[in-house]
Protein backbone atom coordinates (compact mmCIF):
# COMPACT_ATOMS: atom_id res chain seq x y z
CA MET A 1 -8.10 -19.62 8.23
CA THR A 2 -8.24 -15.94 9.10
CA SER A 3 -10.27 -13.63 6.91
CA VAL A 4 -11.96 -10.30 6.93
CA ARG A 5 -15.34 -9.81 8.54
CA PRO A 6 -14.42 -8.30 11.90
CA ASP A 7 -16.40 -8.40 15.09
CA PRO A 8 -18.73 -5.40 15.64
CA PRO A 9 -16.64 -2.23 16.02
CA ARG A 10 -15.53 -1.31 19.51
CA SER A 11 -13.26 1.38 20.80
CA PRO A 12 -9.67 0.24 21.49
CA GLU A 13 -10.35 0.66 25.21
CA ALA A 14 -13.68 -1.21 25.21
CA ASP A 15 -12.49 -4.47 26.74
CA GLY A 16 -10.18 -2.92 29.29
CA ASP A 17 -7.14 -4.26 27.45
CA GLY A 18 -5.80 -0.81 26.70
CA VAL A 19 -5.17 1.04 23.45
CA VAL A 20 -3.87 -0.85 20.42
CA GLU A 21 -2.03 1.13 17.76
CA ILE A 22 -0.61 0.02 14.41
CA VAL A 23 1.77 2.35 12.59
CA GLU A 24 2.39 1.56 8.92
CA TYR A 25 5.61 2.86 7.36
CA THR A 26 5.15 2.76 3.62
CA ASP A 27 5.57 4.48 0.26
CA PRO A 28 3.30 4.58 -2.83
CA ALA A 29 6.20 3.44 -5.03
CA CYS A 30 7.46 0.56 -2.87
CA PRO A 31 7.03 -2.86 -4.56
CA TRP A 32 7.17 -4.71 -1.24
CA ALA A 33 4.40 -2.47 0.12
CA TRP A 34 2.32 -3.20 -2.98
CA GLY A 35 2.79 -6.91 -2.40
CA SER A 36 1.90 -6.51 1.28
CA GLU A 37 -1.39 -4.72 0.62
CA PRO A 38 -3.59 -7.87 0.79
CA ALA A 39 -2.33 -8.65 4.30
CA PHE A 40 -2.69 -5.03 5.36
CA ARG A 41 -6.26 -4.95 4.04
CA LEU A 42 -7.03 -8.00 6.14
CA LEU A 43 -5.44 -6.47 9.22
CA ARG A 44 -7.28 -3.17 8.76
CA ALA A 45 -10.59 -5.02 8.53
CA LEU A 46 -9.74 -7.28 11.43
CA THR A 47 -8.80 -4.39 13.72
CA ALA A 48 -11.46 -1.89 12.58
CA GLY A 49 -12.90 -0.10 15.60
CA ARG A 50 -10.47 -1.86 17.93
CA ALA A 51 -7.13 -0.30 17.04
CA ARG A 52 -5.78 3.00 15.80
CA TRP A 53 -4.04 2.68 12.43
CA ARG A 54 -1.66 5.45 11.38
CA ARG A 55 0.16 5.62 8.06
CA VAL A 56 3.60 7.21 7.68
CA PHE A 57 5.07 7.88 4.25
CA GLY A 58 8.78 7.12 4.19
CA ILE A 59 9.63 8.70 0.80
CA LEU A 60 11.47 5.86 -0.93
CA PHE A 61 12.59 8.13 -3.79
CA ASP A 62 13.28 11.75 -2.91
CA GLU A 63 13.57 14.90 -4.95
CA ASP A 64 17.25 15.46 -4.15
CA ASP A 65 18.36 11.95 -5.15
CA ASP A 66 21.06 11.97 -7.83
CA PRO A 67 19.69 11.18 -11.31
CA ALA A 68 20.80 7.94 -12.92
CA PRO A 69 23.64 8.36 -15.44
CA ASP A 70 21.81 5.98 -17.81
CA PRO A 71 18.03 6.23 -17.21
CA ALA A 72 17.19 3.50 -19.73
CA ALA A 73 19.56 1.01 -18.10
CA GLU A 74 18.30 1.92 -14.63
CA THR A 75 14.69 1.45 -15.77
CA ALA A 76 15.45 -1.95 -17.27
CA TRP A 77 17.25 -3.06 -14.11
CA TYR A 78 14.56 -1.77 -11.78
CA GLY A 79 11.83 -3.35 -13.91
CA ARG A 80 13.51 -6.73 -13.44
CA TYR A 81 13.84 -6.04 -9.71
CA VAL A 82 10.12 -5.28 -9.39
CA ALA A 83 9.26 -8.40 -11.39
CA ASP A 84 11.40 -10.54 -9.08
CA ILE A 85 9.57 -9.12 -6.06
CA ALA A 86 6.22 -9.75 -7.73
CA ARG A 87 7.12 -13.40 -8.22
CA HIS A 88 7.76 -13.60 -4.48
CA THR A 89 4.61 -11.74 -3.38
CA ARG A 90 2.38 -12.93 -6.29
CA ALA A 91 1.35 -9.30 -6.86
CA PRO A 92 0.51 -7.97 -10.32
CA CYS A 93 3.30 -6.16 -12.11
CA ALA A 94 3.44 -4.12 -15.28
CA HIS A 95 4.39 -5.69 -18.60
CA ARG A 96 6.90 -2.87 -18.91
CA LEU A 97 8.20 -0.25 -16.50
CA HIS A 98 8.43 2.95 -18.53
CA TRP A 99 10.56 4.90 -16.07
CA VAL A 100 11.78 4.77 -12.50
CA ALA A 101 10.01 7.24 -10.23
CA ALA A 102 12.08 10.40 -9.97
CA THR A 103 10.49 11.00 -6.56
CA SER A 104 7.68 9.51 -4.51
CA ARG A 105 7.01 12.79 -2.70
CA PRO A 106 4.16 14.02 -4.98
CA ALA A 107 2.31 10.71 -4.62
CA SER A 108 2.87 10.83 -0.86
CA LEU A 109 1.49 14.38 -0.73
CA ALA A 110 -1.56 13.25 -2.70
CA ALA A 111 -2.09 10.27 -0.40
CA LYS A 112 -1.68 12.44 2.71
CA ALA A 113 -4.09 15.07 1.36
CA ALA A 114 -6.63 12.33 0.63
CA GLU A 115 -6.73 11.45 4.33
CA ARG A 116 -8.61 14.73 4.85
CA GLN A 117 -11.48 13.24 2.84
CA GLY A 118 -11.84 10.19 5.07
CA ALA A 119 -10.58 6.63 5.27
CA THR A 120 -12.32 5.39 2.12
CA ALA A 121 -10.90 8.18 -0.03
CA ALA A 122 -7.44 7.66 1.47
CA GLU A 123 -7.46 3.94 0.66
CA ARG A 124 -8.73 4.46 -2.89
CA VAL A 125 -6.19 7.17 -3.65
CA LEU A 126 -3.20 5.19 -2.37
CA ARG A 127 -4.36 2.07 -4.20
CA ARG A 128 -4.69 3.94 -7.51
CA LEU A 129 -1.30 5.57 -7.06
CA ARG A 130 0.29 2.17 -6.48
CA GLU A 131 -1.40 0.83 -9.59
CA THR A 132 0.17 3.52 -11.77
CA THR A 133 3.56 1.91 -11.11
CA PHE A 134 2.74 -1.75 -10.65
CA VAL A 135 -0.07 -2.20 -13.21
CA LEU A 136 0.64 0.48 -15.81
CA GLY A 137 4.40 0.91 -15.35
CA THR A 138 4.02 4.71 -15.31
CA PRO A 139 4.86 5.99 -11.80
CA ALA A 140 2.93 9.05 -10.63
CA ASP A 141 6.10 10.97 -9.77
CA THR A 142 4.83 14.49 -10.44
CA ALA A 143 1.78 16.31 -9.15
CA GLU A 144 0.35 16.34 -12.67
CA ARG A 145 0.79 12.59 -13.11
CA ALA A 146 -0.69 11.86 -9.70
CA LEU A 147 -3.78 13.97 -10.33
CA GLY A 148 -4.13 12.57 -13.85
CA ALA A 149 -4.13 9.02 -12.47
CA LEU A 150 -6.79 9.95 -9.92
CA ALA A 151 -9.12 11.72 -12.35
CA GLY A 152 -12.66 10.42 -11.99
CA LEU A 153 -11.87 8.25 -8.96
CA ASP A 154 -15.20 7.56 -7.28
CA GLY A 155 -15.59 8.96 -3.78
CA VAL A 156 -12.67 11.38 -4.14
CA ASP A 157 -12.82 15.12 -4.76
CA VAL A 158 -9.73 15.29 -6.96
CA GLY A 159 -9.99 19.05 -7.39
CA ARG A 160 -9.91 19.55 -3.65
CA LEU A 161 -7.09 17.03 -3.30
CA GLY A 162 -5.01 18.85 -5.91
CA ALA A 163 -5.49 22.15 -4.11
CA GLU A 164 -4.56 20.62 -0.76
CA MET A 165 -1.43 18.77 -1.91
CA GLY A 166 0.44 22.05 -1.51
CA ASP A 167 -1.27 23.09 1.71
CA PRO A 168 1.43 23.94 4.26
CA GLU A 169 -0.10 21.54 6.80
CA VAL A 170 -0.03 18.64 4.32
CA VAL A 171 3.53 19.46 3.25
CA ALA A 172 4.60 19.65 6.89
CA ALA A 173 2.87 16.33 7.66
CA VAL A 174 4.79 14.57 4.88
CA ARG A 175 8.00 16.19 6.08
CA ARG A 176 7.33 14.82 9.56
CA ASP A 177 6.63 11.39 8.05
CA HIS A 178 9.98 11.51 6.27
CA ALA A 179 11.75 12.30 9.53
CA GLU A 180 9.85 9.70 11.57
CA ALA A 181 10.67 6.99 9.03
CA ARG A 182 14.36 7.78 9.60
CA ASP A 183 14.12 7.41 13.36
CA PRO A 184 13.37 3.68 13.74
CA ILE A 185 12.59 2.22 17.14
CA PRO A 186 15.08 -0.20 18.75
CA GLU A 187 12.82 -3.19 18.01
CA ALA A 188 13.14 -2.49 14.28
CA CYS A 189 16.89 -1.93 14.47
CA ALA A 190 17.32 -5.25 16.27
CA PHE A 191 15.06 -7.20 13.92
CA HIS A 192 16.61 -10.15 12.06
CA ALA A 193 14.77 -12.87 10.17
CA PRO A 194 15.23 -15.14 7.16
CA GLY A 195 13.90 -14.14 3.78
CA PRO A 196 14.23 -11.12 1.50
CA HIS A 197 13.77 -8.71 4.42
CA GLY A 198 16.33 -10.01 6.87
CA THR A 199 16.84 -6.72 8.69
CA GLY A 200 14.45 -4.10 9.99
CA VAL A 201 16.23 -0.98 8.77
CA LYS A 202 17.90 0.24 5.60
CA GLU A 203 20.96 2.44 5.34
CA THR A 204 20.51 5.87 3.76
CA ASP A 205 22.92 8.66 2.87
CA ASP A 206 22.27 10.32 6.22
CA GLY A 207 21.61 7.36 8.52
CA VAL A 208 18.95 4.65 8.50
CA ARG A 209 15.21 4.32 7.91
CA TYR A 210 12.63 1.65 8.43
CA ALA A 211 12.57 -1.11 5.84
CA LEU A 212 9.46 -0.52 3.76
CA PRO A 213 6.89 -1.55 4.56
CA THR A 214 7.07 -1.92 8.34
CA LEU A 215 4.23 -2.33 10.80
CA VAL A 216 4.80 -1.37 14.44
CA PHE A 217 2.22 -2.86 16.80
CA SER A 218 1.78 -1.31 20.27
CA GLY A 219 -0.56 -2.30 23.07
CA PRO A 220 -0.80 -3.36 26.69
CA GLY A 221 1.38 -6.41 25.94
CA GLY A 222 4.27 -4.35 24.62
CA ARG A 223 5.58 -3.28 21.22
CA VAL A 224 6.51 -5.39 18.18
CA ALA A 225 8.10 -4.34 14.89
CA ALA A 226 7.27 -6.37 11.79
CA PRO A 227 9.52 -5.01 9.03
CA GLY A 228 9.40 -5.88 5.36
CA TRP A 229 7.22 -8.47 3.67
CA ARG A 230 5.95 -10.80 6.40
CA SER A 231 3.41 -13.60 6.48
CA MET A 232 -0.10 -13.18 7.81
CA THR A 233 0.81 -15.56 10.62
CA GLU A 234 3.63 -13.24 11.72
CA TYR A 235 1.35 -10.22 11.72
CA LEU A 236 -1.28 -12.04 13.77
CA THR A 237 1.36 -13.21 16.22
CA ALA A 238 2.49 -9.61 16.67
CA LEU A 239 -1.09 -8.44 17.17
CA ARG A 240 -1.78 -11.15 19.74
CA THR A 241 1.44 -10.30 21.53
CA VAL A 242 0.56 -6.64 22.07
CA ALA A 243 -3.15 -7.32 22.78
CA PRO A 244 -3.32 -10.83 24.25
CA ARG A 245 -6.75 -10.43 25.83
CA GLN A 246 -8.54 -9.63 22.57
CA LEU A 247 -9.90 -12.22 20.15
CA TRP A 248 -8.47 -11.53 16.71
CA GLU A 249 -10.65 -13.72 14.52
CA ALA A 250 -12.95 -12.99 11.59
CA ALA A 251 -15.11 -14.73 9.01
CA PRO A 252 -14.52 -14.64 5.23
CA ILE A 253 -16.53 -12.48 2.88
CA GLY A 254 -17.65 -13.41 -0.62
CA PRO A 255 -15.90 -12.25 -3.79
CA GLU A 256 -18.69 -9.85 -4.77
CA ALA A 257 -18.73 -8.28 -1.29
CA ALA A 258 -14.95 -7.91 -1.44
CA LEU A 259 -15.21 -6.20 -4.83
CA VAL A 260 -17.79 -3.74 -3.52
CA ALA A 261 -15.70 -3.01 -0.44
CA TYR A 262 -12.28 -2.71 -2.11
CA ARG A 263 -13.04 -1.94 -5.78
CA SER A 264 -9.72 -3.43 -6.95
CA LEU A 265 -8.59 -6.98 -6.17
CA THR A 266 -5.52 -9.09 -6.91
CA GLY A 267 -5.18 -12.86 -6.66
CA PRO A 268 -3.62 -12.59 -3.17
CA ASP A 269 -6.44 -10.21 -2.18
CA LEU A 270 -8.97 -12.86 -3.13
CA SER A 271 -7.09 -15.55 -1.27
CA LEU A 272 -6.79 -13.61 2.00
CA LEU A 273 -10.07 -11.70 1.96
CA THR A 274 -12.41 -14.39 0.65
CA GLY A 275 -10.56 -17.62 1.43
CA GLY A 276 -10.70 -18.72 -2.23
CA SER A 277 -9.53 -17.90 -5.73
CA THR A 278 -12.82 -17.40 -7.59
CA PRO A 279 -12.96 -13.85 -8.98
CA PRO A 280 -16.12 -11.76 -8.61
CA ARG A 281 -18.61 -12.49 -11.37
CA THR A 282 -19.12 -8.79 -12.17
CA ALA A 283 -15.45 -7.80 -12.12
CA VAL A 284 -13.57 -6.37 -15.08
CA ARG A 285 -10.29 -8.18 -15.65
CA VAL A 286 -7.01 -6.37 -16.34
CA ASP A 287 -4.12 -8.65 -17.29
CA THR A 288 -0.61 -7.87 -16.04
CA ALA A 289 2.72 -9.66 -16.22
CA GLY A 290 2.13 -10.87 -12.66
CA GLY A 291 -1.45 -12.04 -12.99
CA PRO A 292 -4.85 -10.39 -13.25
CA LEU A 293 -6.24 -7.38 -11.47
CA TRP A 294 -10.01 -7.45 -10.92
CA LEU A 295 -11.86 -4.10 -10.98
CA HIS A 296 -15.35 -3.13 -9.92
CA PRO A 297 -17.23 -1.96 -13.07
CA ASP A 298 -17.48 1.58 -11.69
CA GLU A 299 -13.74 1.56 -10.98
CA ALA A 300 -13.00 0.18 -14.44
CA ALA A 301 -14.96 2.94 -16.15
CA GLY A 302 -12.29 5.53 -15.41
CA HIS A 303 -9.27 3.38 -14.64
CA PRO A 304 -6.16 4.47 -16.57
CA ALA A 305 -5.28 0.84 -17.37
CA LEU A 306 -8.54 0.40 -19.29
CA ILE A 307 -8.29 3.83 -20.87
CA ALA A 308 -4.76 3.05 -22.09
CA ALA A 309 -5.88 -0.32 -23.47
CA ALA A 310 -8.70 1.35 -25.43
CA GLU A 311 -6.49 3.99 -27.05
CA PRO A 312 -5.74 3.36 -30.73
CA LYS A 313 -2.16 2.31 -31.42
CA SER A 314 -0.08 4.05 -34.04
CA PRO A 315 1.33 1.86 -36.87
CA ARG A 316 4.83 2.22 -35.37
CA SER A 317 3.86 1.29 -31.80
């Protein structure tokens, strides 16, 4: 079994096998990307110090999309759609989706701005933004909602992030991400496979974009596109194809170590990262319609899911 304690970090060029790069096309509001996060966590740990990982935000929902004629019906339909995906990926999902994201651009701006504060902050911000949709059912589709969801997030200067969401360089970076996601490489366009993601691109009003999520692996052995929700075996095959001279193996870590490292764990996270299903002894459990989410106590202290659960309910609620 493959798990997450990588070999000691090395530069991508260290073994003479050339540079390895992984580009992740994603979106904070994408349910398939949420379900893929355990595998991506494993891959990030496995390739740490040995590959460059770059994240591109594809903007699944954009600001100029036409509003639904019946928002309540659209929300009910999309809630069922997300639940169906969660049954496939075994990811947590909200008991109720309260609205469909009007746009995923504010969350993408927040996630892009968080990259300025380092890799740890970037991972924590994107994870929390995903959880607003897939744990709480309240997508962070405005700047105010995004910043509200991130309030008190450990290791993140939310005030700085809020100020930098509108920085011209951050806005331009997200605009470039949007364009790059709509210029898929031939390997993605030619991709066909069984399963829910049978093709590597999706049609849009003005052309095509990568299916979300998509990983593009590049290295001395070539280039491989892995669109949609794929198995860990497929990702490892792609990695070994582009970097055949490297050894891509790692040892499992314990549940408590995983909780310290990642702060928020799902059942699939536990399975891939620790090789088992035993939750961390110190974790705080949050129940969802798709199974539990396990939070580090420090994460739980300010997590909106726990805050919402603690709020008194009105007699009519």
